[in-house]
Amino acid sequence: MMLRKLPLAVAAATSLLLFFPLAAQAATGTGEVKGQPVPIPIPSPVGGISHLSVTPGKSACQRVTSVPGVSKRCTQGQEIPLTDLTAAQRAQRSADLARLGSKSESAHAGVSQQPDITAPAQCNFSAIEFAQTGILHPDRFTSCSDVLWLATSYEVTSTPPFITFLGTFLWEDQQWADYSAHSPDWVHGMNTIGYLTGASGDLEDGVSGVLYSGCSLAPGTCSATSLATPDPQPFAIAPGGTDTFGWNESDAGASSVGPGAINVLNPYLGAALEIENTTPPTEALDTAQLAGRCDTQVTAADRCVDQAYTPTLELSLTTYGSAADMIAWAQGTLSGHWGLQGVGQPLTRLASAVIGNRNRRIICRDGSFHNMGAAIGGNNGDRDSCDEYPFAATYQSGALNGVTAGAQCAQVTAVQTGTTGNEAADWNTVTPAGTVTGNEACARGHIPLRLNRNTGLAYARLILSDRLIDRDPFWVAVTP
């Protein structure tokens, strides 16, 4: 098995499908300029795809001594955009995705036993616009990837034309990791689609060999058990064929054995393929496209998420009243626009309770903030409190960004708007108190205590539900 001999540094560094070079390229006119590999254009479009090239220095090559004038046989794989698919290929893709979704695999071309697994709907594979390659991070517990690959086989010769193209093949690889809020295990799936147009020469039958879960590259990071044929399992990506592969995968890093640990899975999530029907055989790593992280920092129980997805703390005016309105006011009025998606930058969690409490003291206990008692929330049996935004438990707290006293924040006061007995409805809005320039680093408000505390509890619930560790980003959205 070649893959297990790969150094982990190679696996960690790659973010594309790589065909590893087996020999150095040294022939003049074969893609080198002063020892540096340069691309060589493919002379005619492949399946309507133009402007493609190969780079001998980045190909898997094998020296040839039996054929006069031929110095090497090479194979190269490269990622190309889905926008390059022709109308015919898009039509085939649509039909193949419908077939994969329905599991009616009468024309199934793969050689593995197909697992009972379906891509998550939120990956949106079947409805993607061709200007993008899927919805990569649709939520905190799903990671997706969708990549179109071109394999090219060619010979390097000692006489013109120096490069002779022998065959090409196009295939699409869709993968996903489906994490759980209740387990350190997840499901990893992969769909493949082999395209009819573009299959030519010695690659006209596609590519085949054996594959593994990418976890095989780093047993101390994650482990995997195939849902069908055990790894190494055979694969055959054929023109017009589809296949599905799946694994149950688990955290096997530091977070699986001890508290306070983090295990970033990204470099090893995906699939590792040994392509055996090319000359020379090649090794392909289709890893590092998915995202994942496990931890025992948020809770003692080990759990995993797609950390590349930025969650949103949603605070409704109906539930949180003036506490939510103060945030909306700060996001819209002050130049920082903290946490306002599309306008400002996300907030980032501050995990240190010590620093968070210090931030709170600086903003709320500087001697300039006077409790207004019954005037704030008193008719609802509540009392005044000092509320601040950005939150004390974030790195955007004014106290960490040049504010030495809460009086330097923009000041607001909750306004009574009703007498219904529903505090969020009765104290639903805020009004500025004093002069506001819009350049203040924070907002500080007189807010009914229960509304203030409930907002803090909502933030705490987001930390738990979405596994926010120190410096993890999140948005804040105020809704009706």
Protein backbone atom coordinates (compact mmCIF):
# COMPACT_ATOMS: atom_id res chain seq x y z
CA MET A 1 0.00 0.00 0.00
CA MET A 2 1.62 3.21 -1.15
CA LEU A 3 -0.60 5.66 0.70
CA ARG A 4 0.45 4.61 4.17
CA LYS A 5 4.05 5.41 3.29
CA LEU A 6 3.24 9.06 2.62
CA PRO A 7 4.68 11.48 5.18
CA LEU A 8 1.92 13.14 7.16
CA ALA A 9 3.36 16.55 6.34
CA VAL A 10 2.51 15.94 2.69
CA ALA A 11 -1.04 14.99 3.54
CA ALA A 12 -1.46 17.99 5.78
CA ALA A 13 -0.16 20.43 3.22
CA THR A 14 -2.30 19.40 0.26
CA SER A 15 -5.68 20.94 -0.41
CA LEU A 16 -6.12 19.58 -3.95
CA LEU A 17 -6.20 16.22 -5.64
CA LEU A 18 -2.52 15.50 -6.17
CA PHE A 19 -0.80 13.01 -8.45
CA PHE A 20 2.61 12.77 -6.85
CA PRO A 21 5.70 13.07 -9.09
CA LEU A 22 7.78 9.89 -9.10
CA ALA A 23 10.74 11.32 -11.00
CA ALA A 24 12.30 14.70 -11.68
CA GLN A 25 11.67 16.38 -15.02
CA ALA A 26 14.85 17.30 -16.87
CA ALA A 27 14.27 17.14 -20.61
CA THR A 28 14.56 20.41 -22.50
CA GLY A 29 11.25 21.44 -24.04
CA THR A 30 9.18 19.31 -21.65
CA GLY A 31 7.86 21.96 -19.35
CA GLU A 32 10.87 23.46 -17.62
CA VAL A 33 12.39 26.95 -17.71
CA LYS A 34 15.72 27.04 -15.88
CA GLY A 35 14.69 24.04 -13.82
CA GLN A 36 11.22 25.38 -12.99
CA PRO A 37 8.18 23.46 -14.27
CA VAL A 38 5.86 25.49 -16.48
CA PRO A 39 2.43 24.52 -17.89
CA ILE A 40 2.19 23.06 -21.39
CA PRO A 41 -1.15 23.76 -23.12
CA ILE A 42 -3.33 20.86 -24.19
CA PRO A 43 -3.52 21.35 -27.97
CA SER A 44 -7.27 20.84 -28.36
CA PRO A 45 -10.25 21.34 -26.03
CA VAL A 46 -11.31 18.40 -23.89
CA GLY A 47 -15.06 17.97 -23.87
CA GLY A 48 -15.51 21.64 -24.66
CA ILE A 49 -13.05 22.65 -21.92
CA SER A 50 -10.28 24.84 -23.25
CA HIS A 51 -7.18 26.57 -21.88
CA LEU A 52 -6.03 23.45 -20.03
CA SER A 53 -2.45 22.42 -19.53
CA VAL A 54 -0.16 19.89 -17.89
CA THR A 55 2.97 20.53 -15.88
CA PRO A 56 5.50 17.68 -16.06
CA GLY A 57 7.14 18.74 -12.82
CA LYS A 58 3.80 18.23 -11.05
CA SER A 59 2.88 14.94 -12.73
CA ALA A 60 3.46 11.32 -11.81
CA CYS A 61 6.03 10.12 -14.35
CA GLN A 62 7.87 6.92 -15.16
CA ARG A 63 10.93 6.63 -17.38
CA VAL A 64 10.52 4.61 -20.56
CA THR A 65 13.42 2.77 -22.20
CA SER A 66 11.52 0.38 -24.46
CA VAL A 67 10.05 2.93 -26.90
CA PRO A 68 12.48 4.91 -29.10
CA GLY A 69 12.27 8.65 -28.56
CA VAL A 70 9.99 8.38 -25.51
CA SER A 71 11.61 9.36 -22.23
CA LYS A 72 8.63 9.30 -19.83
CA ARG A 73 5.00 8.37 -19.43
CA CYS A 74 3.09 10.76 -17.16
CA THR A 75 -0.32 11.32 -15.63
CA GLN A 76 -1.55 14.56 -14.09
CA GLY A 77 -4.75 15.46 -12.28
CA GLN A 78 -6.03 18.99 -11.87
CA GLU A 79 -9.07 20.72 -10.46
CA ILE A 80 -11.18 22.69 -12.92
CA PRO A 81 -14.30 24.80 -12.33
CA LEU A 82 -17.77 23.33 -12.73
CA THR A 83 -18.55 26.30 -14.96
CA ASP A 84 -16.48 24.55 -17.65
CA LEU A 85 -19.05 21.77 -18.04
CA THR A 86 -20.77 21.75 -21.40
CA ALA A 87 -24.54 21.71 -21.84
CA ALA A 88 -24.40 17.96 -22.54
CA GLN A 89 -22.33 17.34 -19.43
CA ARG A 90 -24.71 19.40 -17.32
CA ALA A 91 -27.63 17.37 -18.62
CA GLN A 92 -25.79 14.15 -17.73
CA ARG A 93 -24.97 15.57 -14.32
CA SER A 94 -28.61 16.40 -13.62
CA ALA A 95 -29.71 12.88 -14.56
CA ASP A 96 -26.93 11.26 -12.54
CA LEU A 97 -27.71 13.31 -9.43
CA ALA A 98 -31.37 12.35 -9.68
CA ARG A 99 -30.28 8.73 -9.93
CA LEU A 100 -28.00 9.06 -6.91
CA GLY A 101 -30.77 10.73 -4.94
CA SER A 102 -33.30 8.03 -5.74
CA LYS A 103 -30.81 5.17 -5.36
CA SER A 104 -32.06 3.64 -8.63
CA GLU A 105 -28.64 2.43 -9.69
CA SER A 106 -29.58 0.17 -12.59
CA ALA A 107 -26.68 1.63 -14.57
CA HIS A 108 -24.37 1.56 -11.57
CA ALA A 109 -20.82 1.44 -12.94
CA GLY A 110 -18.84 1.22 -9.71
CA VAL A 111 -17.36 -2.00 -8.38
CA SER A 112 -18.04 -1.47 -4.68
CA GLN A 113 -21.15 -2.43 -2.77
CA GLN A 114 -23.07 0.83 -2.53
CA PRO A 115 -23.84 1.92 1.04
CA ASP A 116 -27.25 3.15 2.07
CA ILE A 117 -26.27 6.80 2.31
CA THR A 118 -27.59 10.01 0.76
CA ALA A 119 -25.93 13.42 0.58
CA PRO A 120 -27.45 15.98 2.99
CA ALA A 121 -29.98 18.20 1.24
CA GLN A 122 -28.28 21.31 2.65
CA CYS A 123 -25.18 20.61 0.53
CA ASN A 124 -27.44 21.54 -2.40
CA PHE A 125 -25.46 19.39 -4.83
CA SER A 126 -28.38 18.91 -7.20
CA ALA A 127 -29.29 22.58 -7.51
CA ILE A 128 -25.96 24.40 -7.47
CA GLU A 129 -25.32 27.21 -9.87
CA PHE A 130 -22.28 26.44 -11.94
CA ALA A 131 -20.51 29.59 -10.80
CA GLN A 132 -19.81 27.86 -7.48
CA THR A 133 -18.78 24.43 -6.30
CA GLY A 134 -21.50 23.69 -3.80
CA ILE A 135 -22.50 25.09 -0.44
CA LEU A 136 -19.37 24.18 1.46
CA HIS A 137 -20.46 25.01 5.00
CA PRO A 138 -24.28 25.07 5.16
CA ASP A 139 -24.50 24.76 8.96
CA ARG A 140 -22.46 23.99 12.07
CA PHE A 141 -22.84 20.22 11.69
CA THR A 142 -22.44 19.73 7.92
CA SER A 143 -19.40 20.19 5.69
CA CYS A 144 -19.58 19.67 1.92
CA SER A 145 -17.23 19.71 -1.07
CA ASP A 146 -17.87 19.47 -4.80
CA VAL A 147 -14.92 19.30 -7.18
CA LEU A 148 -14.51 18.59 -10.89
CA TRP A 149 -11.29 16.84 -11.87
CA LEU A 150 -9.45 16.26 -15.14
CA ALA A 151 -6.92 13.43 -15.52
CA THR A 152 -4.51 13.69 -18.46
CA SER A 153 -2.13 11.00 -19.69
CA TYR A 154 0.81 11.95 -21.92
CA GLU A 155 4.28 11.01 -23.13
CA VAL A 156 7.43 13.10 -22.99
CA THR A 157 9.57 12.67 -26.11
CA SER A 158 13.09 13.73 -27.00
CA THR A 159 12.00 15.17 -30.35
CA PRO A 160 9.16 17.51 -31.34
CA PRO A 161 6.38 17.82 -30.36
CA PHE A 162 8.02 16.84 -27.00
CA ILE A 163 4.57 16.24 -25.45
CA THR A 164 2.16 13.68 -26.93
CA PHE A 165 -1.26 13.51 -25.28
CA LEU A 166 -2.57 9.98 -24.85
CA GLY A 167 -5.88 10.34 -23.02
CA THR A 168 -8.17 12.41 -20.82
CA PHE A 169 -11.00 11.78 -18.36
CA LEU A 170 -13.33 14.07 -16.38
CA TRP A 171 -15.08 13.18 -13.15
CA GLU A 172 -16.86 14.95 -10.34
CA ASP A 173 -16.37 14.15 -6.68
CA GLN A 174 -18.93 15.26 -4.09
CA GLN A 175 -18.14 14.64 -0.42
CA TRP A 176 -19.73 15.48 2.90
CA ALA A 177 -19.19 15.08 6.64
CA ASP A 178 -22.38 14.91 8.71
CA TYR A 179 -21.55 15.63 12.36
CA SER A 180 -23.73 15.05 15.42
CA ALA A 181 -24.45 17.25 18.42
CA HIS A 182 -24.65 14.09 20.53
CA SER A 183 -21.62 12.04 19.49
CA PRO A 184 -17.92 12.27 18.57
CA ASP A 185 -18.74 10.16 15.48
CA TRP A 186 -19.85 11.35 12.07
CA VAL A 187 -20.84 9.99 8.66
CA HIS A 188 -18.53 10.69 5.73
CA GLY A 189 -19.98 10.15 2.26
CA MET A 190 -18.77 10.50 -1.30
CA ASN A 191 -20.57 10.52 -4.67
CA THR A 192 -18.65 10.19 -7.93
CA ILE A 193 -19.85 11.00 -11.44
CA GLY A 194 -17.84 9.99 -14.51
CA TYR A 195 -18.43 12.15 -17.57
CA LEU A 196 -18.98 10.64 -21.00
CA THR A 197 -17.71 13.66 -22.90
CA GLY A 198 -13.97 14.10 -22.45
CA ALA A 199 -13.12 10.41 -21.95
CA SER A 200 -10.49 9.59 -24.55
CA GLY A 201 -7.46 7.50 -25.44
CA ASP A 202 -5.98 5.34 -22.72
CA LEU A 203 -8.36 6.95 -20.19
CA GLU A 204 -11.52 6.31 -22.21
CA ASP A 205 -12.63 3.75 -19.60
CA GLY A 206 -12.08 6.15 -16.69
CA VAL A 207 -9.93 5.58 -13.62
CA SER A 208 -9.92 2.66 -11.20
CA GLY A 209 -8.03 1.24 -8.25
CA VAL A 210 -8.59 1.18 -4.50
CA LEU A 211 -9.54 3.91 -2.04
CA TYR A 212 -9.46 4.64 1.67
CA SER A 213 -10.97 7.15 4.01
CA GLY A 214 -8.52 10.01 4.48
CA CYS A 215 -8.40 9.02 8.16
CA SER A 216 -6.01 6.24 7.07
CA LEU A 217 -3.37 8.94 6.61
CA ALA A 218 -3.48 9.92 10.29
CA PRO A 219 -4.74 7.16 12.60
CA GLY A 220 -4.04 9.42 15.59
CA THR A 221 -6.46 12.03 14.25
CA CYS A 222 -9.54 10.07 13.19
CA SER A 223 -10.64 6.51 12.53
CA ALA A 224 -12.96 5.15 9.87
CA THR A 225 -15.05 2.06 9.18
CA SER A 226 -16.49 1.62 5.72
CA LEU A 227 -20.27 1.32 5.46
CA ALA A 228 -19.89 -1.32 2.73
CA THR A 229 -16.74 -3.02 1.44
CA PRO A 230 -13.90 -2.58 3.97
CA ASP A 231 -10.97 -0.33 3.10
CA PRO A 232 -8.99 -0.64 0.93
CA GLN A 233 -12.07 -0.92 -1.26
CA PRO A 234 -12.12 -1.05 -5.06
CA PHE A 235 -13.42 1.86 -7.08
CA ALA A 236 -14.07 2.37 -10.77
CA ILE A 237 -15.10 5.83 -11.96
CA ALA A 238 -16.31 5.09 -15.48
CA PRO A 239 -17.75 7.38 -18.17
CA GLY A 240 -21.48 7.62 -17.54
CA GLY A 241 -21.20 5.83 -14.19
CA THR A 242 -21.98 6.92 -10.65
CA ASP A 243 -20.98 5.49 -7.32
CA THR A 244 -21.42 6.21 -3.64
CA PHE A 245 -19.01 5.43 -0.81
CA GLY A 246 -19.46 5.94 2.90
CA TRP A 247 -17.71 5.61 6.23
CA ASN A 248 -18.53 5.91 9.90
CA GLU A 249 -15.70 8.06 11.24
CA SER A 250 -14.71 8.98 14.79
CA ASP A 251 -12.47 11.37 16.67
CA ALA A 252 -9.18 9.69 17.53
CA GLY A 253 -7.17 12.74 18.59
CA ALA A 254 -6.39 14.33 21.95
CA SER A 255 -10.01 15.38 22.42
CA SER A 256 -11.06 11.73 22.32
CA VAL A 257 -9.04 10.85 25.41
CA GLY A 258 -8.79 13.90 27.66
CA PRO A 259 -10.40 17.17 28.79
CA GLY A 260 -9.62 20.63 27.47
CA ALA A 261 -8.36 19.40 24.10
CA ILE A 262 -8.96 20.33 20.45
CA ASN A 263 -8.53 18.13 17.38
CA VAL A 264 -8.62 19.83 13.95
CA LEU A 265 -9.58 17.22 11.36
CA ASN A 266 -9.37 19.25 8.13
CA PRO A 267 -6.16 17.87 6.57
CA TYR A 268 -7.39 14.26 6.71
CA LEU A 269 -11.09 14.56 5.93
CA GLY A 270 -11.82 13.13 2.52
CA ALA A 271 -10.69 10.14 0.50
CA ALA A 272 -7.32 8.76 -0.57
CA LEU A 273 -7.20 6.93 -3.89
CA GLU A 274 -4.64 4.64 -5.49
CA ILE A 275 -5.28 4.85 -9.24
CA GLU A 276 -3.95 1.64 -10.74
CA ASN A 277 -5.02 1.73 -14.40
CA THR A 278 -2.64 4.51 -15.45
CA THR A 279 0.99 4.32 -16.48
CA PRO A 280 2.53 4.87 -14.05
CA PRO A 281 0.07 4.08 -11.25
CA THR A 282 -0.63 7.23 -9.25
CA GLU A 283 -1.64 8.21 -5.77
CA ALA A 284 -4.43 10.74 -5.31
CA LEU A 285 -5.38 12.64 -2.17
CA ASP A 286 -8.81 14.19 -2.31
CA THR A 287 -8.55 15.61 1.20
CA ALA A 288 -8.59 18.95 3.03
CA GLN A 289 -11.72 20.12 1.19
CA LEU A 290 -14.00 19.35 4.16
CA ALA A 291 -13.80 21.03 7.57
CA GLY A 292 -14.16 19.54 11.02
CA ARG A 293 -13.02 20.04 14.60
CA CYS A 294 -13.61 18.06 17.78
CA ASP A 295 -13.15 19.40 21.33
CA THR A 296 -13.52 18.74 25.02
CA GLN A 297 -13.21 22.43 25.89
CA VAL A 298 -16.82 23.56 25.58
CA THR A 299 -18.02 20.51 27.52
CA ALA A 300 -16.33 17.44 28.94
CA ALA A 301 -18.16 15.36 26.34
CA ASP A 302 -16.23 15.11 23.08
CA ARG A 303 -18.22 16.51 20.14
CA CYS A 304 -17.41 17.68 16.61
CA VAL A 305 -18.55 20.54 14.34
CA ASP A 306 -17.79 22.24 11.04
CA GLN A 307 -15.81 25.12 12.50
CA ALA A 308 -15.70 26.90 9.13
CA TYR A 309 -19.38 27.75 9.50
CA THR A 310 -20.00 30.97 11.43
CA PRO A 311 -23.19 30.62 13.50
CA THR A 312 -25.63 33.41 14.33
CA LEU A 313 -26.98 34.40 17.73
CA GLU A 314 -30.59 35.35 17.01
CA LEU A 315 -32.25 37.69 19.49
CA SER A 316 -35.87 38.62 18.95
CA LEU A 317 -37.37 41.86 20.21
CA THR A 318 -40.41 39.82 21.26
CA THR A 319 -38.32 37.80 23.72
CA TYR A 320 -35.45 40.10 24.67
CA GLY A 321 -37.05 43.55 24.35
CA SER A 322 -34.77 46.53 24.96
CA ALA A 323 -31.71 44.30 25.46
CA ALA A 324 -32.06 43.21 21.82
CA ASP A 325 -32.96 46.72 20.68
CA MET A 326 -29.77 48.12 22.25
CA ILE A 327 -27.77 45.66 20.13
CA ALA A 328 -29.69 46.62 16.99
CA TRP A 329 -29.15 50.29 17.81
CA ALA A 330 -25.41 49.78 18.32
CA GLN A 331 -25.06 47.73 15.13
CA GLY A 332 -26.84 50.35 13.08
CA THR A 333 -25.55 53.55 14.72
CA LEU A 334 -21.95 52.94 15.73
CA SER A 335 -19.21 52.63 13.14
CA GLY A 336 -18.03 49.20 14.38
CA HIS A 337 -21.29 47.47 13.34
CA TRP A 338 -20.14 44.59 15.56
CA GLY A 339 -21.63 41.23 14.65
CA LEU A 340 -23.81 42.61 11.85
CA GLN A 341 -23.42 40.18 8.98
CA GLY A 342 -22.72 41.79 5.63
CA VAL A 343 -21.69 45.09 7.21
CA GLY A 344 -19.38 44.53 10.19
CA GLN A 345 -17.10 41.77 11.37
CA PRO A 346 -18.30 38.87 13.52
CA LEU A 347 -17.82 38.84 17.25
CA THR A 348 -15.38 36.26 18.62
CA ARG A 349 -15.86 34.35 21.82
CA LEU A 350 -13.64 35.17 24.79
CA ALA A 351 -13.43 31.99 26.85
CA SER A 352 -11.54 33.46 29.83
CA ALA A 353 -13.99 34.22 32.65
CA VAL A 354 -11.30 36.24 34.41
CA ILE A 355 -10.82 38.61 31.49
CA GLY A 356 -14.56 38.73 30.83
CA ASN A 357 -15.27 39.79 34.39
CA ARG A 358 -12.55 42.43 34.19
CA ASN A 359 -14.12 43.76 30.99
CA ARG A 360 -17.50 43.96 32.74
CA ARG A 361 -16.04 45.87 35.69
CA ILE A 362 -14.37 48.41 33.42
CA ILE A 363 -17.56 49.10 31.48
CA CYS A 364 -20.11 48.96 34.30
CA ARG A 365 -18.33 49.93 37.51
CA ASP A 366 -16.47 53.10 36.68
CA GLY A 367 -18.52 55.32 39.00
CA SER A 368 -20.38 57.09 36.23
CA PHE A 369 -23.21 54.59 35.84
CA HIS A 370 -26.03 55.17 38.35
CA ASN A 371 -28.72 52.59 38.97
CA MET A 372 -32.10 54.03 38.06
CA GLY A 373 -33.92 51.50 40.27
CA ALA A 374 -37.67 51.30 39.81
CA ALA A 375 -37.50 53.63 36.84
CA ILE A 376 -36.19 50.74 34.70
CA GLY A 377 -38.35 47.62 34.78
CA GLY A 378 -39.91 48.44 38.11
CA ASN A 379 -43.49 48.09 36.93
CA ASN A 380 -42.64 44.49 35.98
CA GLY A 381 -41.07 43.69 39.34
CA ASP A 382 -37.59 44.08 37.89
CA ARG A 383 -34.76 46.58 38.32
CA ASP A 384 -32.16 48.45 36.36
CA SER A 385 -28.91 46.82 35.20
CA CYS A 386 -25.83 47.76 33.22
CA ASP A 387 -25.86 46.10 29.83
CA GLU A 388 -23.03 46.36 27.30
CA TYR A 389 -22.37 45.61 23.67
CA PRO A 390 -20.15 44.11 22.36
CA PHE A 391 -20.47 41.50 25.11
CA ALA A 392 -17.87 41.37 27.88
CA ALA A 393 -17.16 37.75 26.93
CA THR A 394 -15.93 38.66 23.44
CA TYR A 395 -12.67 40.01 22.12
CA GLN A 396 -14.60 42.99 20.78
CA SER A 397 -15.49 44.23 24.28
CA GLY A 398 -14.75 47.93 24.55
CA ALA A 399 -12.51 47.16 27.52
CA LEU A 400 -10.17 45.24 25.20
CA ASN A 401 -10.25 47.96 22.57
CA GLY A 402 -9.08 51.16 24.22
CA VAL A 403 -12.00 51.87 26.59
CA THR A 404 -10.86 52.56 30.16
CA ALA A 405 -14.24 53.60 31.59
CA GLY A 406 -17.83 52.84 30.61
CA ALA A 407 -18.57 56.54 30.23
CA GLN A 408 -16.57 56.37 26.98
CA CYS A 409 -19.24 54.09 25.47
CA ALA A 410 -22.33 55.42 23.73
CA GLN A 411 -25.07 55.61 26.38
CA VAL A 412 -28.67 54.41 25.93
CA THR A 413 -31.68 53.96 28.20
CA ALA A 414 -34.56 51.50 27.92
CA VAL A 415 -37.91 53.13 27.23
CA GLN A 416 -41.21 51.94 28.67
CA THR A 417 -43.65 51.32 25.81
CA GLY A 418 -46.50 49.47 27.53
CA THR A 419 -48.08 48.16 30.72
CA THR A 420 -49.06 44.68 29.61
CA GLY A 421 -47.09 42.86 32.28
CA ASN A 422 -44.85 41.34 29.57
CA GLU A 423 -41.50 42.92 30.31
CA ALA A 424 -40.05 42.41 26.81
CA ALA A 425 -43.08 44.15 25.33
CA ASP A 426 -43.28 46.86 28.01
CA TRP A 427 -39.56 47.73 27.72
CA ASN A 428 -39.09 47.07 24.02
CA THR A 429 -36.83 49.87 22.83
CA VAL A 430 -33.95 52.18 23.78
CA THR A 431 -33.16 55.84 23.30
CA PRO A 432 -29.73 57.55 23.32
CA ALA A 433 -28.71 59.32 26.52
CA GLY A 434 -26.36 62.21 25.92
CA THR A 435 -24.23 62.90 22.87
CA VAL A 436 -23.40 60.05 20.49
CA THR A 437 -20.70 60.53 17.85
CA GLY A 438 -21.03 57.10 16.23
CA ASN A 439 -17.35 56.38 16.73
CA GLU A 440 -17.63 54.95 20.25
CA ALA A 441 -16.08 51.52 20.78
CA CYS A 442 -19.08 50.21 22.70
CA ALA A 443 -22.64 50.83 23.81
CA ARG A 444 -23.75 50.82 27.45
CA GLY A 445 -27.36 50.81 28.49
CA HIS A 446 -29.82 50.96 31.38
CA ILE A 447 -31.69 47.71 30.62
CA PRO A 448 -34.11 45.70 32.81
CA LEU A 449 -32.07 43.03 34.57
CA ARG A 450 -34.07 40.02 33.41
CA LEU A 451 -33.83 41.07 29.77
CA ASN A 452 -30.09 41.63 30.19
CA ARG A 453 -29.58 38.23 31.81
CA ASN A 454 -31.74 36.43 29.26
CA THR A 455 -29.58 37.80 26.45
CA GLY A 456 -26.48 36.50 28.24
CA LEU A 457 -28.15 33.10 28.62
CA ALA A 458 -28.92 33.03 24.89
CA TYR A 459 -25.23 33.62 24.18
CA ALA A 460 -24.30 30.83 26.61
CA ARG A 461 -26.70 28.45 24.84
CA LEU A 462 -25.10 29.28 21.48
CA ILE A 463 -21.66 28.50 22.93
CA LEU A 464 -22.90 25.06 24.00
CA SER A 465 -25.02 24.18 20.98
CA ASP A 466 -22.47 25.29 18.37
CA ARG A 467 -19.32 24.41 20.30
CA LEU A 468 -17.78 27.89 20.27
CA ILE A 469 -14.25 27.71 21.62
CA ASP A 470 -11.97 30.66 22.32
CA ARG A 471 -11.81 33.08 19.36
CA ASP A 472 -14.55 31.32 17.40
CA PRO A 473 -16.57 33.88 15.40
CA PHE A 474 -20.33 34.38 15.46
CA TRP A 475 -22.86 36.87 14.14
CA VAL A 476 -25.63 38.56 16.08
CA ALA A 477 -29.01 39.15 14.41
CA VAL A 478 -31.87 41.07 16.02
CA THR A 479 -35.25 39.91 14.71
CA PRO A 480 -38.82 41.12 15.35
